[in-house]
Amino acid sequence: MLPKIRRTRELISKHGLELWLQVDGGVSASTIERCADAGADVFVAGSAVYGANDPAEAVRALRTQADGATAKASWACNH
């Protein structure tokens, strides 16, 4: 899916749009940074959160990873 995310982000940028690109499914601590690097800026993490021993901490950790990855992404915009 990462190539599809990259291509979608390229099209968004090419047309000068400011859109959120969401990834839903398979988002976890081991994949969220790769998704962000590919161009996603909204993440839906189900089992990574609800399957965790501490769901609240899982959300905090994923947000921290996502914020860090999206902040340094070349495609990042201000929405």
C-alpha atoms as a PDB file:
ATOM      1  CA  MET A   1       0.000   0.000   0.000  1.00  0.00           C
ATOM      2  CA  LEU A   2       2.909   2.388   0.523  1.00  0.00           C
ATOM      3  CA  PRO A   3       3.333   2.980  -3.241  1.00  0.00           C
ATOM      4  CA  LYS A   4      -0.364   3.875  -3.472  1.00  0.00           C
ATOM      5  CA  ILE A   5      -0.019   6.311  -0.586  1.00  0.00           C
ATOM      6  CA  ARG A   6       3.030   7.901  -2.235  1.00  0.00           C
ATOM      7  CA  ARG A   7       1.253   8.231  -5.575  1.00  0.00           C
ATOM      8  CA  THR A   8      -1.826   9.737  -3.955  1.00  0.00           C
ATOM      9  CA  ARG A   9       0.317  12.251  -2.055  1.00  0.00           C
ATOM     10  CA  GLU A  10       2.089  13.142  -5.317  1.00  0.00           C
ATOM     11  CA  LEU A  11      -1.242  13.817  -7.007  1.00  0.00           C
ATOM     12  CA  ILE A  12      -2.443  15.919  -4.077  1.00  0.00           C
ATOM     13  CA  SER A  13       0.742  17.989  -4.220  1.00  0.00           C
ATOM     14  CA  LYS A  14       0.722  18.234  -8.019  1.00  0.00           C
ATOM     15  CA  HIS A  15      -2.722  19.796  -7.958  1.00  0.00           C
ATOM     16  CA  GLY A  16      -1.907  22.129  -5.067  1.00  0.00           C
ATOM     17  CA  LEU A  17      -4.508  20.631  -2.771  1.00  0.00           C
ATOM     18  CA  GLU A  18      -4.436  20.624   1.005  1.00  0.00           C
ATOM     19  CA  LEU A  19      -6.079  17.321   1.883  1.00  0.00           C
ATOM     20  CA  TRP A  20      -5.698  14.832   4.660  1.00  0.00           C
ATOM     21  CA  LEU A  21      -4.615  11.403   3.469  1.00  0.00           C
ATOM     22  CA  GLN A  22      -5.851   8.681   5.802  1.00  0.00           C
ATOM     23  CA  VAL A  23      -4.548   5.158   6.299  1.00  0.00           C
ATOM     24  CA  ASP A  24      -6.954   2.712   7.889  1.00  0.00           C
ATOM     25  CA  GLY A  25      -5.790  -0.807   8.599  1.00  0.00           C
ATOM     26  CA  GLY A  26      -2.461  -2.261   9.623  1.00  0.00           C
ATOM     27  CA  VAL A  27      -1.361   0.894  11.424  1.00  0.00           C
ATOM     28  CA  SER A  28       0.871   0.070  14.370  1.00  0.00           C
ATOM     29  CA  ALA A  29       4.052   1.241  16.065  1.00  0.00           C
ATOM     30  CA  SER A  30       6.061  -0.626  13.426  1.00  0.00           C
ATOM     31  CA  THR A  31       4.220   0.818  10.401  1.00  0.00           C
ATOM     32  CA  ILE A  32       3.025   4.314  11.277  1.00  0.00           C
ATOM     33  CA  GLU A  33       6.287   6.090  10.436  1.00  0.00           C
ATOM     34  CA  ARG A  34       6.522   4.380   7.042  1.00  0.00           C
ATOM     35  CA  CYS A  35       2.932   5.405   6.309  1.00  0.00           C
ATOM     36  CA  ALA A  36       3.710   8.999   7.271  1.00  0.00           C
ATOM     37  CA  ASP A  37       6.875   9.010   5.202  1.00  0.00           C
ATOM     38  CA  ALA A  38       4.849   7.785   2.208  1.00  0.00           C
ATOM     39  CA  GLY A  39       2.402  10.671   2.597  1.00  0.00           C
ATOM     40  CA  ALA A  40      -0.320   9.768   5.079  1.00  0.00           C
ATOM     41  CA  ASP A  41      -1.221  12.257   7.768  1.00  0.00           C
ATOM     42  CA  VAL A  42      -4.281  10.633   9.358  1.00  0.00           C
ATOM     43  CA  PHE A  43      -4.027   7.174  10.887  1.00  0.00           C
ATOM     44  CA  VAL A  44      -6.625   4.685  12.094  1.00  0.00           C
ATOM     45  CA  ALA A  45      -5.158   2.123  14.466  1.00  0.00           C
ATOM     46  CA  GLY A  46      -7.599  -0.457  15.768  1.00  0.00           C
ATOM     47  CA  SER A  47      -5.898  -3.605  16.992  1.00  0.00           C
ATOM     48  CA  ALA A  48      -2.685  -1.722  17.817  1.00  0.00           C
ATOM     49  CA  VAL A  49      -4.698   0.264  20.361  1.00  0.00           C
ATOM     50  CA  TYR A  50      -7.409  -2.110  21.531  1.00  0.00           C
ATOM     51  CA  GLY A  51      -5.056  -5.082  21.661  1.00  0.00           C
ATOM     52  CA  ALA A  52      -2.547  -3.215  23.816  1.00  0.00           C
ATOM     53  CA  ASN A  53      -2.229  -3.731  27.563  1.00  0.00           C
ATOM     54  CA  ASP A  54      -2.647   0.026  28.012  1.00  0.00           C
ATOM     55  CA  PRO A  55      -4.725   1.458  25.135  1.00  0.00           C
ATOM     56  CA  ALA A  56      -4.305   5.061  26.297  1.00  0.00           C
ATOM     57  CA  GLU A  57      -0.534   4.709  26.299  1.00  0.00           C
ATOM     58  CA  ALA A  58      -0.654   3.040  22.886  1.00  0.00           C
ATOM     59  CA  VAL A  59      -2.539   6.053  21.507  1.00  0.00           C
ATOM     60  CA  ARG A  60      -0.027   8.473  23.070  1.00  0.00           C
ATOM     61  CA  ALA A  61       2.919   6.539  21.640  1.00  0.00           C
ATOM     62  CA  LEU A  62       1.378   6.323  18.169  1.00  0.00           C
ATOM     63  CA  ARG A  63       0.573  10.037  18.190  1.00  0.00           C
ATOM     64  CA  THR A  64       4.137  10.862  19.159  1.00  0.00           C
ATOM     65  CA  GLN A  65       5.484   8.716  16.334  1.00  0.00           C
ATOM     66  CA  ALA A  66       3.018  10.157  13.830  1.00  0.00           C
ATOM     67  CA  ASP A  67       3.690  13.763  14.873  1.00  0.00           C
ATOM     68  CA  GLY A  68       7.436  13.273  14.551  1.00  0.00           C
ATOM     69  CA  ALA A  69       7.217  11.550  11.188  1.00  0.00           C
ATOM     70  CA  THR A  70       4.748  13.973   9.623  1.00  0.00           C
ATOM     71  CA  ALA A  71       6.575  17.061  10.919  1.00  0.00           C
ATOM     72  CA  LYS A  72       9.737  16.152   9.026  1.00  0.00           C
ATOM     73  CA  ALA A  73       7.982  14.906   5.881  1.00  0.00           C
ATOM     74  CA  SER A  74       8.722  16.776   2.669  1.00  0.00           C
ATOM     75  CA  TRP A  75       5.016  16.868   1.778  1.00  0.00           C
ATOM     76  CA  ALA A  76       3.812  18.286   5.118  1.00  0.00           C
ATOM     77  CA  CYS A  77       1.313  21.130   4.973  1.00  0.00           C
ATOM     78  CA  ASN A  78      -0.297  23.288   7.648  1.00  0.00           C
ATOM     79  CA  HIS A  79      -3.785  21.790   7.945  1.00  0.00           C
END
